[in-house]
Each structure stands twice: as structure tokens, then as C-alpha cells.
Amino acid sequence: MIETFIKEAEHIYVACGITDFRKQIDSLCAMVIDKFKLDPYTGSSVFIFCNRKRNAIKVLRFEDNGFILAHKKLIDVDKMKFQWPRNETEVKDITIEQLRWLLQGLKIEQKTALKKYKISKEDVVF
């Protein structure tokens, strides 16, 4: 469901560290502007925040004439947590593939992930 909400976004920003989940749309927008120096009013950008327990995320996106705020909370708190980046002063621009890893409970940087290559028939010799 979150991927549908994010589709066609040019940038997926992860707010590293913890976010106070009492914050709603206005406070999260102010945080994006003041702390990260980004523009939340572009519909091509999505911003993702995580709570202290790392068992819930909020996704913020501007669409046409207003904001959408989605909230996802994991059910089994003892066994499942998001592997959230810890540095609270930064924001990371991630790919849709990294988002999938994050939603599956994996780290954004996968050391064993296979690299993607583009090969054309001119590069191959038989």
C-alpha cells in the first residue's frame, strides 16, 4: 500500500533518527523546511519518518492542493522493527528498492545486493 502512495515520486527522503510522532502535517512540514532545507510542497517528493520504538512510520506527500499523511504501525513490536538510519541530523534520498528493503525490516545499505548492469548486444562477443 505504501508503494502505491509513493509511486511516481522522483525523490523518497528518509528522515534519519527518531521523530516525535505527536507531530502532524504542519509540524512535519516545518521540520522538512527548517531542519533538512527541502521543499515539502513539491508533489514529486515523499518524506518518511520513524518513531522512537522503530515500529511505526509516517509518510508525508503533497498532492495537487493538500498534504497526505499515511501511518503504518507494525503489529508484533517485540519481534519486528524497522532498521532505521540513526543519524538524526541528516535526510537520505533513497530508491524504491531501498524503500522495499526498509519496509521488509532490512537495512537501506545491503552489502550483498547484486549490482545492476546495462548490457547491449554490442558489448557481448560470441
Protein backbone atom coordinates (compact mmCIF):
# COMPACT_ATOMS: atom_id res chain seq x y z
CA MET A 1 0.00 0.00 0.00
CA ILE A 2 2.80 2.44 0.86
CA GLU A 3 4.42 1.78 -2.53
CA THR A 4 1.19 2.87 -4.27
CA PHE A 5 1.24 6.06 -2.23
CA ILE A 6 4.85 6.70 -3.27
CA LYS A 7 4.66 5.72 -6.93
CA GLU A 8 5.83 8.30 -9.44
CA ALA A 9 7.77 10.18 -6.76
CA GLU A 10 11.10 11.48 -8.01
CA HIS A 11 12.59 11.59 -4.52
CA ILE A 12 11.98 9.41 -1.47
CA TYR A 13 13.54 11.07 1.57
CA VAL A 14 14.09 9.17 4.81
CA ALA A 15 14.41 11.40 7.89
CA CYS A 16 17.18 9.60 9.76
CA GLY A 17 16.92 9.21 13.51
CA ILE A 18 13.72 9.37 15.52
CA THR A 19 10.75 11.68 15.05
CA ASP A 20 8.24 12.65 17.71
CA PHE A 21 5.04 11.01 16.45
CA ARG A 22 2.84 13.61 18.11
CA LYS A 23 3.84 15.79 15.15
CA GLN A 24 1.29 16.06 12.39
CA ILE A 25 1.35 17.58 8.90
CA ASP A 26 2.21 21.19 9.83
CA SER A 27 5.00 20.23 12.24
CA LEU A 28 6.47 17.67 9.85
CA CYS A 29 6.45 20.25 7.02
CA ALA A 30 8.22 22.75 9.26
CA MET A 31 10.80 20.09 10.11
CA VAL A 32 11.42 19.34 6.43
CA ILE A 33 11.91 23.06 5.67
CA ASP A 34 13.92 24.10 8.75
CA LYS A 35 15.99 21.02 9.55
CA PHE A 36 16.56 19.47 6.13
CA LYS A 37 16.29 22.59 3.90
CA LEU A 38 13.94 20.81 1.48
CA ASP A 39 10.60 21.79 -0.07
CA PRO A 40 7.67 19.63 1.11
CA TYR A 41 5.32 21.35 -1.36
CA THR A 42 6.66 19.52 -4.39
CA GLY A 43 4.43 16.56 -5.22
CA SER A 44 7.44 14.74 -6.61
CA SER A 45 8.98 14.31 -3.13
CA VAL A 46 7.94 11.94 -0.35
CA PHE A 47 9.19 12.19 3.23
CA ILE A 48 9.29 9.20 5.61
CA PHE A 49 9.68 9.45 9.39
CA CYS A 50 10.10 6.78 12.09
CA ASN A 51 9.17 6.76 15.80
CA ARG A 52 11.43 6.09 18.78
CA LYS A 53 10.48 2.39 19.09
CA ARG A 54 11.11 1.91 15.33
CA ASN A 55 7.77 0.11 14.99
CA ALA A 56 5.87 2.81 13.08
CA ILE A 57 6.46 5.14 10.15
CA LYS A 58 4.72 8.22 8.78
CA VAL A 59 4.79 9.13 5.10
CA LEU A 60 4.16 12.72 4.03
CA ARG A 61 3.41 13.84 0.47
CA PHE A 62 1.91 16.90 -1.15
CA GLU A 63 -0.71 16.20 -3.82
CA ASP A 64 -2.31 18.89 -6.01
CA ASN A 65 -3.98 21.01 -3.32
CA GLY A 66 -3.07 19.47 0.02
CA PHE A 67 -1.00 17.02 2.02
CA ILE A 68 -1.49 13.30 2.56
CA LEU A 69 -0.13 11.72 5.73
CA ALA A 70 -0.03 7.92 5.90
CA HIS A 71 0.82 5.98 9.06
CA LYS A 72 1.97 2.36 9.28
CA LYS A 73 2.49 0.53 12.57
CA LEU A 74 3.94 -2.96 12.90
CA ILE A 75 1.85 -5.45 14.87
CA ASP A 76 4.40 -7.62 16.68
CA VAL A 77 6.54 -4.96 18.38
CA ASP A 78 8.77 -7.47 20.20
CA LYS A 79 9.89 -9.25 17.04
CA MET A 80 9.65 -6.65 14.28
CA LYS A 81 11.32 -3.27 13.95
CA PHE A 82 12.35 -1.05 11.08
CA GLN A 83 16.13 -0.89 10.55
CA TRP A 84 16.13 2.90 10.61
CA PRO A 85 19.26 5.01 9.96
CA ARG A 86 20.35 6.64 13.23
CA ASN A 87 21.99 9.98 12.32
CA GLU A 88 19.33 12.50 13.37
CA THR A 89 20.82 15.46 11.52
CA GLU A 90 20.51 14.08 8.02
CA VAL A 91 17.98 13.03 5.46
CA LYS A 92 18.69 10.38 2.82
CA ASP A 93 17.34 10.26 -0.71
CA ILE A 94 16.67 6.55 -1.32
CA THR A 95 15.48 4.42 -4.22
CA ILE A 96 12.22 2.47 -4.40
CA GLU A 97 14.27 -0.71 -3.97
CA GLN A 98 15.83 0.62 -0.75
CA LEU A 99 12.34 1.53 0.45
CA ARG A 100 11.21 -2.07 -0.12
CA TRP A 101 14.16 -3.31 1.93
CA LEU A 102 13.32 -0.87 4.70
CA LEU A 103 9.66 -1.96 4.77
CA GLN A 104 10.79 -5.60 4.94
CA GLY A 105 12.85 -4.89 8.05
CA LEU A 106 16.19 -4.78 6.25
CA LYS A 107 18.86 -2.07 6.23
CA ILE A 108 18.93 0.52 3.46
CA GLU A 109 22.53 -0.34 2.57
CA GLN A 110 22.65 -4.00 1.62
CA LYS A 111 26.24 -5.20 1.30
CA THR A 112 25.25 -8.39 -0.51
CA ALA A 113 22.81 -6.88 -3.00
CA LEU A 114 23.66 -7.63 -6.61
CA LYS A 115 24.62 -4.69 -8.76
CA LYS A 116 22.51 -3.87 -11.81
CA TYR A 117 24.26 -3.70 -15.15
CA LYS A 118 23.06 -2.50 -18.52
CA ILE A 119 24.50 -4.55 -21.33
CA SER A 120 23.76 -4.15 -25.00
CA LYS A 121 24.33 -6.70 -27.75
CA GLU A 122 27.36 -4.69 -28.92
CA ASP A 123 29.08 -5.43 -25.61
CA VAL A 124 28.76 -9.20 -26.00
CA VAL A 125 31.19 -11.28 -28.09
CA PHE A 126 30.41 -14.89 -29.04
